[in-house]
Full PDB file with SEQRES, HELIX, SHEET, SSBOND, CRYST1, ORIGX, SCALE, CONECT and MASTER records, all heavy atoms in Angstrom:
SEQRES   1 A   42  THR HIS TRP ASP ARG LEU ALA ALA THR GLY GLY VAL VAL          
SEQRES   2 A   42  ASN ALA THR GLN THR PHE ASP GLY GLY GLY THR ALA ARG          
SEQRES   3 A   42  THR VAL ILE ARG ILE ASP ALA GLU ARG GLU ARG ILE TYR          
SEQRES   4 A   42  SER ARG GLN                                                  
HELIX    1 AA1 HIS A    2  THR A    9  1                                   8    
SHEET    1 AA1 3 GLY A  11  PHE A  19  0                                        
SHEET    2 AA1 3 GLY A  23  ASP A  32 -1                                        
SHEET    3 AA1 3 ARG A  37  ARG A  41 -1                                        
CRYST1    1.000    1.000    1.000  90.00  90.00  90.00 P 1           1          
ORIGX1      1.000000  0.000000  0.000000        0.00000                         
ORIGX2      0.000000  1.000000  0.000000        0.00000                         
ORIGX3      0.000000  0.000000  1.000000        0.00000                         
SCALE1      1.000000  0.000000  0.000000        0.00000                         
SCALE2      0.000000  1.000000  0.000000        0.00000                         
SCALE3      0.000000  0.000000  1.000000        0.00000                         
ATOM      1  N   THR A   1       7.859 -11.751   4.178  1.00  0.00           N  
ATOM      2  CA  THR A   1       7.585 -12.634   3.035  1.00  0.00           C  
ATOM      3  C   THR A   1       6.598 -11.976   2.085  1.00  0.00           C  
ATOM      4  O   THR A   1       6.762 -12.002   0.868  1.00  0.00           O  
ATOM      5  CB  THR A   1       7.034 -13.994   3.528  1.00  0.00           C  
ATOM      6  OG1 THR A   1       7.977 -14.611   4.394  1.00  0.00           O  
ATOM      7  CG2 THR A   1       6.760 -14.912   2.340  1.00  0.00           C  
ATOM      8  N   HIS A   2       5.581 -11.354   2.640  1.00  0.00           N  
ATOM      9  CA  HIS A   2       4.578 -10.652   1.841  1.00  0.00           C  
ATOM     10  C   HIS A   2       5.181  -9.464   1.110  1.00  0.00           C  
ATOM     11  O   HIS A   2       4.961  -9.271  -0.087  1.00  0.00           O  
ATOM     12  CB  HIS A   2       3.435 -10.199   2.742  1.00  0.00           C  
ATOM     13  CG  HIS A   2       2.458  -9.286   2.070  1.00  0.00           C  
ATOM     14  ND1 HIS A   2       1.509  -9.759   1.169  1.00  0.00           N  
ATOM     15  CD2 HIS A   2       2.269  -7.950   2.124  1.00  0.00           C  
ATOM     16  CE1 HIS A   2       0.789  -8.745   0.719  1.00  0.00           C  
ATOM     17  NE2 HIS A   2       1.236  -7.646   1.291  1.00  0.00           N  
ATOM     18  N   TRP A   3       5.967  -8.637   1.812  1.00  0.00           N  
ATOM     19  CA  TRP A   3       6.567  -7.467   1.171  1.00  0.00           C  
ATOM     20  C   TRP A   3       7.457  -7.895   0.016  1.00  0.00           C  
ATOM     21  O   TRP A   3       7.447  -7.281  -1.043  1.00  0.00           O  
ATOM     22  CB  TRP A   3       7.410  -6.680   2.194  1.00  0.00           C  
ATOM     23  CG  TRP A   3       6.642  -6.159   3.339  1.00  0.00           C  
ATOM     24  CD1 TRP A   3       5.314  -5.790   3.343  1.00  0.00           C  
ATOM     25  CD2 TRP A   3       7.109  -5.962   4.668  1.00  0.00           C  
ATOM     26  NE1 TRP A   3       4.945  -5.373   4.605  1.00  0.00           N  
ATOM     27  CE2 TRP A   3       6.026  -5.466   5.438  1.00  0.00           C  
ATOM     28  CE3 TRP A   3       8.352  -6.133   5.298  1.00  0.00           C  
ATOM     29  CZ2 TRP A   3       6.132  -5.153   6.790  1.00  0.00           C  
ATOM     30  CZ3 TRP A   3       8.460  -5.838   6.647  1.00  0.00           C  
ATOM     31  CH2 TRP A   3       7.370  -5.349   7.374  1.00  0.00           C  
ATOM     32  N   ASP A   4       8.232  -8.951   0.221  1.00  0.00           N  
ATOM     33  CA  ASP A   4       9.134  -9.425  -0.838  1.00  0.00           C  
ATOM     34  C   ASP A   4       8.352  -9.886  -2.065  1.00  0.00           C  
ATOM     35  O   ASP A   4       8.757  -9.650  -3.202  1.00  0.00           O  
ATOM     36  CB  ASP A   4       9.995 -10.580  -0.314  1.00  0.00           C  
ATOM     37  CG  ASP A   4      11.039 -10.129   0.688  1.00  0.00           C  
ATOM     38  OD1 ASP A   4      11.288  -8.915   0.789  1.00  0.00           O  
ATOM     39  OD2 ASP A   4      11.596 -11.014   1.386  1.00  0.00           O  
ATOM     40  N   ARG A   5       7.218 -10.554  -1.830  1.00  0.00           N  
ATOM     41  CA  ARG A   5       6.397 -11.020  -2.959  1.00  0.00           C  
ATOM     42  C   ARG A   5       5.857  -9.844  -3.757  1.00  0.00           C  
ATOM     43  O   ARG A   5       5.904  -9.840  -5.000  1.00  0.00           O  
ATOM     44  CB  ARG A   5       5.238 -11.864  -2.430  1.00  0.00           C  
ATOM     45  CG  ARG A   5       5.639 -13.256  -1.979  1.00  0.00           C  
ATOM     46  CD  ARG A   5       5.962 -14.127  -3.197  1.00  0.00           C  
ATOM     47  NE  ARG A   5       4.806 -14.330  -4.044  1.00  0.00           N  
ATOM     48  CZ  ARG A   5       4.857 -14.693  -5.316  1.00  0.00           C  
ATOM     49  NH1 ARG A   5       6.012 -14.896  -5.907  1.00  0.00           N  
ATOM     50  NH2 ARG A   5       3.750 -14.879  -6.010  1.00  0.00           N  
ATOM     51  N   LEU A   6       5.322  -8.834  -3.077  1.00  0.00           N  
ATOM     52  CA  LEU A   6       4.775  -7.681  -3.797  1.00  0.00           C  
ATOM     53  C   LEU A   6       5.862  -6.890  -4.504  1.00  0.00           C  
ATOM     54  O   LEU A   6       5.647  -6.365  -5.585  1.00  0.00           O  
ATOM     55  CB  LEU A   6       3.990  -6.776  -2.847  1.00  0.00           C  
ATOM     56  CG  LEU A   6       2.549  -7.178  -2.520  1.00  0.00           C  
ATOM     57  CD1 LEU A   6       1.885  -6.095  -1.673  1.00  0.00           C  
ATOM     58  CD2 LEU A   6       1.748  -7.418  -3.785  1.00  0.00           C  
ATOM     59  N   ALA A   7       7.026  -6.802  -3.901  1.00  0.00           N  
ATOM     60  CA  ALA A   7       8.145  -6.109  -4.553  1.00  0.00           C  
ATOM     61  C   ALA A   7       8.544  -6.801  -5.830  1.00  0.00           C  
ATOM     62  O   ALA A   7       8.971  -6.155  -6.798  1.00  0.00           O  
ATOM     63  CB  ALA A   7       9.345  -6.031  -3.611  1.00  0.00           C  
ATOM     64  N   ALA A   8       8.398  -8.152  -5.868  1.00  0.00           N  
ATOM     65  CA  ALA A   8       8.804  -8.916  -7.037  1.00  0.00           C  
ATOM     66  C   ALA A   8       7.732  -8.955  -8.145  1.00  0.00           C  
ATOM     67  O   ALA A   8       8.075  -9.057  -9.323  1.00  0.00           O  
ATOM     68  CB  ALA A   8       9.152 -10.346  -6.630  1.00  0.00           C  
ATOM     69  N   THR A   9       6.472  -8.865  -7.745  1.00  0.00           N  
ATOM     70  CA  THR A   9       5.391  -9.051  -8.720  1.00  0.00           C  
ATOM     71  C   THR A   9       4.554  -7.802  -8.972  1.00  0.00           C  
ATOM     72  O   THR A   9       3.924  -7.680 -10.019  1.00  0.00           O  
ATOM     73  CB  THR A   9       4.449 -10.181  -8.264  1.00  0.00           C  
ATOM     74  OG1 THR A   9       3.845  -9.814  -7.034  1.00  0.00           O  
ATOM     75  CG2 THR A   9       5.191 -11.493  -8.106  1.00  0.00           C  
ATOM     76  N   GLY A  10       4.510  -6.863  -8.004  1.00  0.00           N  
ATOM     77  CA  GLY A  10       3.674  -5.688  -8.136  1.00  0.00           C  
ATOM     78  C   GLY A  10       2.260  -5.926  -7.644  1.00  0.00           C  
ATOM     79  O   GLY A  10       1.852  -7.030  -7.404  1.00  0.00           O  
ATOM     80  N   GLY A  11       1.509  -4.849  -7.493  1.00  0.00           N  
ATOM     81  CA  GLY A  11       0.135  -4.956  -7.063  1.00  0.00           C  
ATOM     82  C   GLY A  11      -0.386  -3.635  -6.510  1.00  0.00           C  
ATOM     83  O   GLY A  11       0.329  -2.619  -6.472  1.00  0.00           O  
ATOM     84  N   VAL A  12      -1.668  -3.660  -6.109  1.00  0.00           N  
ATOM     85  CA  VAL A  12      -2.335  -2.482  -5.549  1.00  0.00           C  
ATOM     86  C   VAL A  12      -2.884  -2.866  -4.176  1.00  0.00           C  
ATOM     87  O   VAL A  12      -3.579  -3.886  -4.043  1.00  0.00           O  
ATOM     88  CB  VAL A  12      -3.485  -1.985  -6.454  1.00  0.00           C  
ATOM     89  CG1 VAL A  12      -4.189  -0.786  -5.805  1.00  0.00           C  
ATOM     90  CG2 VAL A  12      -2.961  -1.628  -7.825  1.00  0.00           C  
ATOM     91  N   VAL A  13      -2.584  -2.067  -3.162  1.00  0.00           N  
ATOM     92  CA  VAL A  13      -3.013  -2.323  -1.789  1.00  0.00           C  
ATOM     93  C   VAL A  13      -3.913  -1.204  -1.306  1.00  0.00           C  
ATOM     94  O   VAL A  13      -3.622  -0.015  -1.535  1.00  0.00           O  
ATOM     95  CB  VAL A  13      -1.792  -2.456  -0.853  1.00  0.00           C  
ATOM     96  CG1 VAL A  13      -2.232  -2.500   0.614  1.00  0.00           C  
ATOM     97  CG2 VAL A  13      -0.952  -3.668  -1.225  1.00  0.00           C  
ATOM     98  N   ASN A  14      -5.005  -1.562  -0.638  1.00  0.00           N  
ATOM     99  CA  ASN A  14      -5.863  -0.603   0.038  1.00  0.00           C  
ATOM    100  C   ASN A  14      -5.872  -0.924   1.528  1.00  0.00           C  
ATOM    101  O   ASN A  14      -6.012  -2.097   1.906  1.00  0.00           O  
ATOM    102  CB  ASN A  14      -7.310  -0.681  -0.482  1.00  0.00           C  
ATOM    103  CG  ASN A  14      -7.426  -0.118  -1.885  1.00  0.00           C  
ATOM    104  OD1 ASN A  14      -6.986   0.996  -2.162  1.00  0.00           O  
ATOM    105  ND2 ASN A  14      -8.017  -0.888  -2.781  1.00  0.00           N  
ATOM    106  N   ALA A  15      -5.726   0.072   2.388  1.00  0.00           N  
ATOM    107  CA  ALA A  15      -5.701  -0.155   3.819  1.00  0.00           C  
ATOM    108  C   ALA A  15      -6.399   0.960   4.562  1.00  0.00           C  
ATOM    109  O   ALA A  15      -6.432   2.112   4.074  1.00  0.00           O  
ATOM    110  CB  ALA A  15      -4.252  -0.289   4.324  1.00  0.00           C  
ATOM    111  N   THR A  16      -6.937   0.652   5.730  1.00  0.00           N  
ATOM    112  CA  THR A  16      -7.570   1.659   6.596  1.00  0.00           C  
ATOM    113  C   THR A  16      -7.101   1.430   8.024  1.00  0.00           C  
ATOM    114  O   THR A  16      -6.771   0.320   8.418  1.00  0.00           O  
ATOM    115  CB  THR A  16      -9.105   1.585   6.576  1.00  0.00           C  
ATOM    116  OG1 THR A  16      -9.535   0.339   7.125  1.00  0.00           O  
ATOM    117  CG2 THR A  16      -9.642   1.730   5.149  1.00  0.00           C  
ATOM    118  N   GLN A  17      -7.087   2.525   8.806  1.00  0.00           N  
ATOM    119  CA  GLN A  17      -6.787   2.475  10.232  1.00  0.00           C  
ATOM    120  C   GLN A  17      -7.780   3.401  10.922  1.00  0.00           C  
ATOM    121  O   GLN A  17      -7.921   4.566  10.533  1.00  0.00           O  
ATOM    122  CB  GLN A  17      -5.360   2.936  10.497  1.00  0.00           C  
ATOM    123  CG  GLN A  17      -4.299   2.121   9.779  1.00  0.00           C  
ATOM    124  CD  GLN A  17      -2.996   2.852   9.703  1.00  0.00           C  
ATOM    125  OE1 GLN A  17      -2.934   4.022   9.350  1.00  0.00           O  
ATOM    126  NE2 GLN A  17      -1.906   2.169  10.021  1.00  0.00           N  
ATOM    127  N   THR A  18      -8.482   2.868  11.934  1.00  0.00           N  
ATOM    128  CA  THR A  18      -9.533   3.627  12.598  1.00  0.00           C  
ATOM    129  C   THR A  18      -9.316   3.611  14.119  1.00  0.00           C  
ATOM    130  O   THR A  18      -9.040   2.556  14.688  1.00  0.00           O  
ATOM    131  CB  THR A  18     -10.923   3.038  12.270  1.00  0.00           C  
ATOM    132  OG1 THR A  18     -11.123   3.041  10.858  1.00  0.00           O  
ATOM    133  CG2 THR A  18     -12.012   3.870  12.923  1.00  0.00           C  
ATOM    134  N   PHE A  19      -9.422   4.797  14.730  1.00  0.00           N  
ATOM    135  CA  PHE A  19      -9.311   4.937  16.186  1.00  0.00           C  
ATOM    136  C   PHE A  19     -10.536   5.694  16.683  1.00  0.00           C  
ATOM    137  O   PHE A  19     -10.946   6.670  16.066  1.00  0.00           O  
ATOM    138  CB  PHE A  19      -8.051   5.700  16.589  1.00  0.00           C  
ATOM    139  CG  PHE A  19      -6.784   5.056  16.118  1.00  0.00           C  
ATOM    140  CD1 PHE A  19      -6.262   5.340  14.863  1.00  0.00           C  
ATOM    141  CD2 PHE A  19      -6.110   4.151  16.939  1.00  0.00           C  
ATOM    142  CE1 PHE A  19      -5.077   4.768  14.437  1.00  0.00           C  
ATOM    143  CE2 PHE A  19      -4.940   3.572  16.525  1.00  0.00           C  
ATOM    144  CZ  PHE A  19      -4.415   3.876  15.272  1.00  0.00           C  
ATOM    145  N   ASP A  20     -11.095   5.227  17.810  1.00  0.00           N  
ATOM    146  CA  ASP A  20     -12.202   5.968  18.413  1.00  0.00           C  
ATOM    147  C   ASP A  20     -11.794   7.397  18.660  1.00  0.00           C  
ATOM    148  O   ASP A  20     -10.796   7.676  19.314  1.00  0.00           O  
ATOM    149  CB  ASP A  20     -12.607   5.317  19.741  1.00  0.00           C  
ATOM    150  CG  ASP A  20     -13.512   4.121  19.559  1.00  0.00           C  
ATOM    151  OD1 ASP A  20     -13.916   3.857  18.412  1.00  0.00           O  
ATOM    152  OD2 ASP A  20     -13.816   3.455  20.560  1.00  0.00           O  
ATOM    153  N   GLY A  21     -12.570   8.339  18.135  1.00  0.00           N  
ATOM    154  CA  GLY A  21     -12.303   9.747  18.350  1.00  0.00           C  
ATOM    155  C   GLY A  21     -11.214  10.297  17.457  1.00  0.00           C  
ATOM    156  O   GLY A  21     -10.951  11.499  17.465  1.00  0.00           O  
ATOM    157  N   GLY A  22     -10.547   9.439  16.688  1.00  0.00           N  
ATOM    158  CA  GLY A  22      -9.435   9.891  15.847  1.00  0.00           C  
ATOM    159  C   GLY A  22      -9.687   9.793  14.377  1.00  0.00           C  
ATOM    160  O   GLY A  22      -8.801  10.092  13.570  1.00  0.00           O  
ATOM    161  N   GLY A  23     -10.895   9.361  13.995  1.00  0.00           N  
ATOM    162  CA  GLY A  23     -11.208   9.263  12.583  1.00  0.00           C  
ATOM    163  C   GLY A  23     -10.551   8.071  11.915  1.00  0.00           C  
ATOM    164  O   GLY A  23      -9.990   7.194  12.563  1.00  0.00           O  
ATOM    165  N   THR A  24     -10.603   8.075  10.594  1.00  0.00           N  
ATOM    166  CA  THR A  24     -10.062   6.967   9.801  1.00  0.00           C  
ATOM    167  C   THR A  24      -9.007   7.462   8.818  1.00  0.00           C  
ATOM    168  O   THR A  24      -9.224   8.451   8.113  1.00  0.00           O  
ATOM    169  CB  THR A  24     -11.185   6.248   9.007  1.00  0.00           C  
ATOM    170  OG1 THR A  24     -12.131   5.685   9.940  1.00  0.00           O  
ATOM    171  CG2 THR A  24     -10.622   5.144   8.140  1.00  0.00           C  
ATOM    172  N   ALA A  25      -7.896   6.781   8.777  1.00  0.00           N  
ATOM    173  CA  ALA A  25      -6.840   7.078   7.817  1.00  0.00           C  
ATOM    174  C   ALA A  25      -6.906   6.003   6.738  1.00  0.00           C  
ATOM    175  O   ALA A  25      -6.991   4.811   7.035  1.00  0.00           O  
ATOM    176  CB  ALA A  25      -5.474   7.076   8.475  1.00  0.00           C  
ATOM    177  N   ARG A  26      -6.847   6.408   5.477  1.00  0.00           N  
ATOM    178  CA  ARG A  26      -6.906   5.468   4.350  1.00  0.00           C  
ATOM    179  C   ARG A  26      -5.631   5.574   3.526  1.00  0.00           C  
ATOM    180  O   ARG A  26      -5.170   6.692   3.259  1.00  0.00           O  
ATOM    181  CB  ARG A  26      -8.129   5.766   3.478  1.00  0.00           C  
ATOM    182  CG  ARG A  26      -9.429   5.732   4.247  1.00  0.00           C  
ATOM    183  CD  ARG A  26     -10.645   6.004   3.347  1.00  0.00           C  
ATOM    184  NE  ARG A  26     -11.850   6.064   4.128  1.00  0.00           N  
ATOM    185  CZ  ARG A  26     -12.561   5.022   4.521  1.00  0.00           C  
ATOM    186  NH1 ARG A  26     -12.142   3.796   4.169  1.00  0.00           N  
ATOM    187  NH2 ARG A  26     -13.644   5.144   5.237  1.00  0.00           N  
ATOM    188  N   THR A  27      -5.102   4.437   3.140  1.00  0.00           N  
ATOM    189  CA  THR A  27      -3.846   4.385   2.378  1.00  0.00           C  
ATOM    190  C   THR A  27      -4.048   3.554   1.114  1.00  0.00           C  
ATOM    191  O   THR A  27      -4.641   2.481   1.174  1.00  0.00           O  
ATOM    192  CB  THR A  27      -2.723   3.775   3.213  1.00  0.00           C  
ATOM    193  OG1 THR A  27      -2.538   4.546   4.401  1.00  0.00           O  
ATOM    194  CG2 THR A  27      -1.412   3.762   2.430  1.00  0.00           C  
ATOM    195  N   VAL A  28      -3.552   4.066  -0.004  1.00  0.00           N  
ATOM    196  CA  VAL A  28      -3.514   3.309  -1.263  1.00  0.00           C  
ATOM    197  C   VAL A  28      -2.061   3.226  -1.710  1.00  0.00           C  
ATOM    198  O   VAL A  28      -1.351   4.231  -1.727  1.00  0.00           O  
ATOM    199  CB  VAL A  28      -4.363   4.005  -2.369  1.00  0.00           C  
ATOM    200  CG1 VAL A  28      -4.245   3.228  -3.663  1.00  0.00           C  
ATOM    201  CG2 VAL A  28      -5.812   4.112  -1.932  1.00  0.00           C  
ATOM    202  N   ILE A  29      -1.611   2.014  -2.040  1.00  0.00           N  
ATOM    203  CA  ILE A  29      -0.243   1.798  -2.512  1.00  0.00           C  
ATOM    204  C   ILE A  29      -0.284   1.098  -3.860  1.00  0.00           C  
ATOM    205  O   ILE A  29      -0.985   0.091  -4.020  1.00  0.00           O  
ATOM    206  CB  ILE A  29       0.558   0.925  -1.514  1.00  0.00           C  
ATOM    207  CG1 ILE A  29       0.516   1.525  -0.112  1.00  0.00           C  
ATOM    208  CG2 ILE A  29       1.998   0.752  -1.986  1.00  0.00           C  
ATOM    209  CD1 ILE A  29       1.080   0.584   0.953  1.00  0.00           C  
ATOM    210  N   ARG A  30       0.462   1.614  -4.823  1.00  0.00           N  
ATOM    211  CA  ARG A  30       0.613   1.006  -6.142  1.00  0.00           C  
ATOM    212  C   ARG A  30       2.086   0.654  -6.341  1.00  0.00           C  
ATOM    213  O   ARG A  30       2.951   1.532  -6.213  1.00  0.00           O  
ATOM    214  CB  ARG A  30       0.114   1.924  -7.260  1.00  0.00           C  
ATOM    215  CG  ARG A  30      -1.359   2.273  -7.168  1.00  0.00           C  
ATOM    216  CD  ARG A  30      -1.771   3.195  -8.324  1.00  0.00           C  
ATOM    217  NE  ARG A  30      -1.510   2.557  -9.624  1.00  0.00           N  
ATOM    218  CZ  ARG A  30      -2.362   1.751 -10.230  1.00  0.00           C  
ATOM    219  NH1 ARG A  30      -3.543   1.458  -9.644  1.00  0.00           N  
ATOM    220  NH2 ARG A  30      -2.066   1.228 -11.404  1.00  0.00           N  
ATOM    221  N   ILE A  31       2.359  -0.619  -6.667  1.00  0.00           N  
ATOM    222  CA  ILE A  31       3.729  -1.088  -6.816  1.00  0.00           C  
ATOM    223  C   ILE A  31       3.938  -1.587  -8.242  1.00  0.00           C  
ATOM    224  O   ILE A  31       3.278  -2.542  -8.685  1.00  0.00           O  
ATOM    225  CB  ILE A  31       4.043  -2.220  -5.825  1.00  0.00           C  
ATOM    226  CG1 ILE A  31       3.822  -1.734  -4.387  1.00  0.00           C  
ATOM    227  CG2 ILE A  31       5.471  -2.741  -6.014  1.00  0.00           C  
ATOM    228  CD1 ILE A  31       3.912  -2.827  -3.354  1.00  0.00           C  
ATOM    229  N   ASP A  32       4.827  -0.923  -8.965  1.00  0.00           N  
ATOM    230  CA  ASP A  32       5.171  -1.282 -10.341  1.00  0.00           C  
ATOM    231  C   ASP A  32       6.511  -2.028 -10.276  1.00  0.00           C  
ATOM    232  O   ASP A  32       7.574  -1.426 -10.264  1.00  0.00           O  
ATOM    233  CB  ASP A  32       5.300  -0.001 -11.182  1.00  0.00           C  
ATOM    234  CG  ASP A  32       5.575  -0.263 -12.648  1.00  0.00           C  
ATOM    235  OD1 ASP A  32       6.091  -1.344 -12.965  1.00  0.00           O  
ATOM    236  OD2 ASP A  32       5.309   0.638 -13.469  1.00  0.00           O  
ATOM    237  N   ALA A  33       6.448  -3.356 -10.203  1.00  0.00           N  
ATOM    238  CA  ALA A  33       7.660  -4.151 -10.002  1.00  0.00           C  
ATOM    239  C   ALA A  33       8.567  -4.125 -11.220  1.00  0.00           C  
ATOM    240  O   ALA A  33       9.795  -4.109 -11.075  1.00  0.00           O  
ATOM    241  CB  ALA A  33       7.280  -5.611  -9.685  1.00  0.00           C  
ATOM    242  N   GLU A  34       7.992  -4.086 -12.429  1.00  0.00           N  
ATOM    243  CA  GLU A  34       8.815  -4.127 -13.633  1.00  0.00           C  
ATOM    244  C   GLU A  34       9.734  -2.922 -13.740  1.00  0.00           C  
ATOM    245  O   GLU A  34      10.908  -3.040 -14.096  1.00  0.00           O  
ATOM    246  CB  GLU A  34       7.914  -4.185 -14.869  1.00  0.00           C  
ATOM    247  CG  GLU A  34       8.683  -4.268 -16.190  1.00  0.00           C  
ATOM    248  CD  GLU A  34       7.768  -4.414 -17.384  1.00  0.00           C  
ATOM    249  OE1 GLU A  34       6.531  -4.576 -17.180  1.00  0.00           O  
ATOM    250  OE2 GLU A  34       8.280  -4.375 -18.509  1.00  0.00           O  
ATOM    251  N   ARG A  35       9.216  -1.716 -13.390  1.00  0.00           N  
ATOM    252  CA  ARG A  35      10.012  -0.501 -13.475  1.00  0.00           C  
ATOM    253  C   ARG A  35      10.511  -0.035 -12.126  1.00  0.00           C  
ATOM    254  O   ARG A  35      11.118   1.043 -12.007  1.00  0.00           O  
ATOM    255  CB  ARG A  35       9.199   0.604 -14.150  1.00  0.00           C  
ATOM    256  CG  ARG A  35       8.813   0.267 -15.595  1.00  0.00           C  
ATOM    257  CD  ARG A  35       8.216   1.476 -16.283  1.00  0.00           C  
ATOM    258  NE  ARG A  35       6.955   1.899 -15.673  1.00  0.00           N  
ATOM    259  CZ  ARG A  35       6.307   3.036 -15.938  1.00  0.00           C  
ATOM    260  NH1 ARG A  35       6.858   3.888 -16.804  1.00  0.00           N  
ATOM    261  NH2 ARG A  35       5.173   3.329 -15.367  1.00  0.00           N  
ATOM    262  N   GLU A  36      10.213  -0.813 -11.061  1.00  0.00           N  
ATOM    263  CA  GLU A  36      10.627  -0.489  -9.696  1.00  0.00           C  
ATOM    264  C   GLU A  36      10.155   0.921  -9.309  1.00  0.00           C  
ATOM    265  O   GLU A  36      10.959   1.775  -8.914  1.00  0.00           O  
ATOM    266  CB  GLU A  36      12.132  -0.662  -9.500  1.00  0.00           C  
ATOM    267  CG  GLU A  36      12.574  -2.120  -9.644  1.00  0.00           C  
ATOM    268  CD  GLU A  36      13.983  -2.358  -9.148  1.00  0.00           C  
ATOM    269  OE1 GLU A  36      14.739  -1.384  -8.971  1.00  0.00           O  
ATOM    270  OE2 GLU A  36      14.333  -3.535  -8.941  1.00  0.00           O  
ATOM    271  N   ARG A  37       8.877   1.131  -9.417  1.00  0.00           N  
ATOM    272  CA  ARG A  37       8.238   2.380  -9.007  1.00  0.00           C  
ATOM    273  C   ARG A  37       7.164   2.073  -7.968  1.00  0.00           C  
ATOM    274  O   ARG A  37       6.465   1.065  -8.067  1.00  0.00           O  
ATOM    275  CB  ARG A  37       7.576   3.088 -10.190  1.00  0.00           C  
ATOM    276  CG  ARG A  37       8.571   3.657 -11.214  1.00  0.00           C  
ATOM    277  CD  ARG A  37       7.809   4.216 -12.411  1.00  0.00           C  
ATOM    278  NE  ARG A  37       8.696   4.987 -13.293  1.00  0.00           N  
ATOM    279  CZ  ARG A  37       8.387   6.158 -13.796  1.00  0.00           C  
ATOM    280  NH1 ARG A  37       7.212   6.696 -13.522  1.00  0.00           N  
ATOM    281  NH2 ARG A  37       9.230   6.799 -14.583  1.00  0.00           N  
ATOM    282  N   ILE A  38       7.031   2.960  -6.980  1.00  0.00           N  
ATOM    283  CA  ILE A  38       6.014   2.802  -5.945  1.00  0.00           C  
ATOM    284  C   ILE A  38       5.353   4.158  -5.700  1.00  0.00           C  
ATOM    285  O   ILE A  38       6.038   5.167  -5.539  1.00  0.00           O  
ATOM    286  CB  ILE A  38       6.633   2.288  -4.626  1.00  0.00           C  
ATOM    287  CG1 ILE A  38       7.328   0.950  -4.845  1.00  0.00           C  
ATOM    288  CG2 ILE A  38       5.553   2.156  -3.547  1.00  0.00           C  
ATOM    289  CD1 ILE A  38       8.122   0.482  -3.635  1.00  0.00           C  
ATOM    290  N   TYR A  39       4.030   4.145  -5.655  1.00  0.00           N  
ATOM    291  CA  TYR A  39       3.279   5.379  -5.317  1.00  0.00           C  
ATOM    292  C   TYR A  39       2.343   5.055  -4.170  1.00  0.00           C  
ATOM    293  O   TYR A  39       1.654   4.015  -4.160  1.00  0.00           O  
ATOM    294  CB  TYR A  39       2.464   5.836  -6.533  1.00  0.00           C  
ATOM    295  CG  TYR A  39       1.513   6.959  -6.183  1.00  0.00           C  
ATOM    296  CD1 TYR A  39       1.966   8.286  -6.037  1.00  0.00           C  
ATOM    297  CD2 TYR A  39       0.166   6.697  -5.969  1.00  0.00           C  
ATOM    298  CE1 TYR A  39       1.084   9.292  -5.712  1.00  0.00           C  
ATOM    299  CE2 TYR A  39      -0.713   7.716  -5.644  1.00  0.00           C  
ATOM    300  CZ  TYR A  39      -0.266   9.020  -5.517  1.00  0.00           C  
ATOM    301  OH  TYR A  39      -1.124  10.028  -5.171  1.00  0.00           O  
ATOM    302  N   SER A  40       2.288   5.944  -3.175  1.00  0.00           N  
ATOM    303  CA  SER A  40       1.327   5.766  -2.083  1.00  0.00           C  
ATOM    304  C   SER A  40       0.666   7.094  -1.764  1.00  0.00           C  
ATOM    305  O   SER A  40       1.277   8.165  -1.908  1.00  0.00           O  
ATOM    306  CB  SER A  40       2.003   5.198  -0.841  1.00  0.00           C  
ATOM    307  OG  SER A  40       2.888   6.138  -0.262  1.00  0.00           O  
ATOM    308  N   ARG A  41      -0.582   7.009  -1.327  1.00  0.00           N  
ATOM    309  CA  ARG A  41      -1.354   8.193  -0.958  1.00  0.00           C  
ATOM    310  C   ARG A  41      -2.088   7.917   0.345  1.00  0.00           C  
ATOM    311  O   ARG A  41      -2.719   6.880   0.495  1.00  0.00           O  
ATOM    312  CB  ARG A  41      -2.354   8.535  -2.053  1.00  0.00           C  
ATOM    313  CG  ARG A  41      -3.179   9.802  -1.777  1.00  0.00           C  
ATOM    314  CD  ARG A  41      -4.129  10.118  -2.934  1.00  0.00           C  
ATOM    315  NE  ARG A  41      -5.164   9.098  -3.052  1.00  0.00           N  
ATOM    316  CZ  ARG A  41      -5.273   8.246  -4.061  1.00  0.00           C  
ATOM    317  NH1 ARG A  41      -4.395   8.228  -5.041  1.00  0.00           N  
ATOM    318  NH2 ARG A  41      -6.270   7.368  -4.100  1.00  0.00           N  
ATOM    319  N   GLN A  42      -1.986   8.849   1.286  1.00  0.00           N  
ATOM    320  CA  GLN A  42      -2.644   8.703   2.576  1.00  0.00           C  
ATOM    321  C   GLN A  42      -3.697   9.805   2.735  1.00  0.00           C  
ATOM    322  O   GLN A  42      -3.412  10.976   2.504  1.00  0.00           O  
ATOM    323  CB  GLN A  42      -1.632   8.800   3.712  1.00  0.00           C  
ATOM    324  CG  GLN A  42      -0.591   7.693   3.691  1.00  0.00           C  
ATOM    325  CD  GLN A  42       0.461   7.875   4.764  1.00  0.00           C  
ATOM    326  OE1 GLN A  42       0.518   8.907   5.420  1.00  0.00           O  
ATOM    327  NE2 GLN A  42       1.326   6.876   4.911  1.00  0.00           N  
TER     328      GLN A  42                                                      
MASTER        0    0    0    1    3    0    0    6  327    1    0    4          
END                                                                             
């Protein structure tokens, strides 16, 4: 339900994942719903 909403309206998402001894991974997602473009960086 959430993915469908963002696909329809667009938005910017920030996320992190952390594991003991494994460091932290950071993700940024930009969704351009009008032009149906998506960019993500990890």
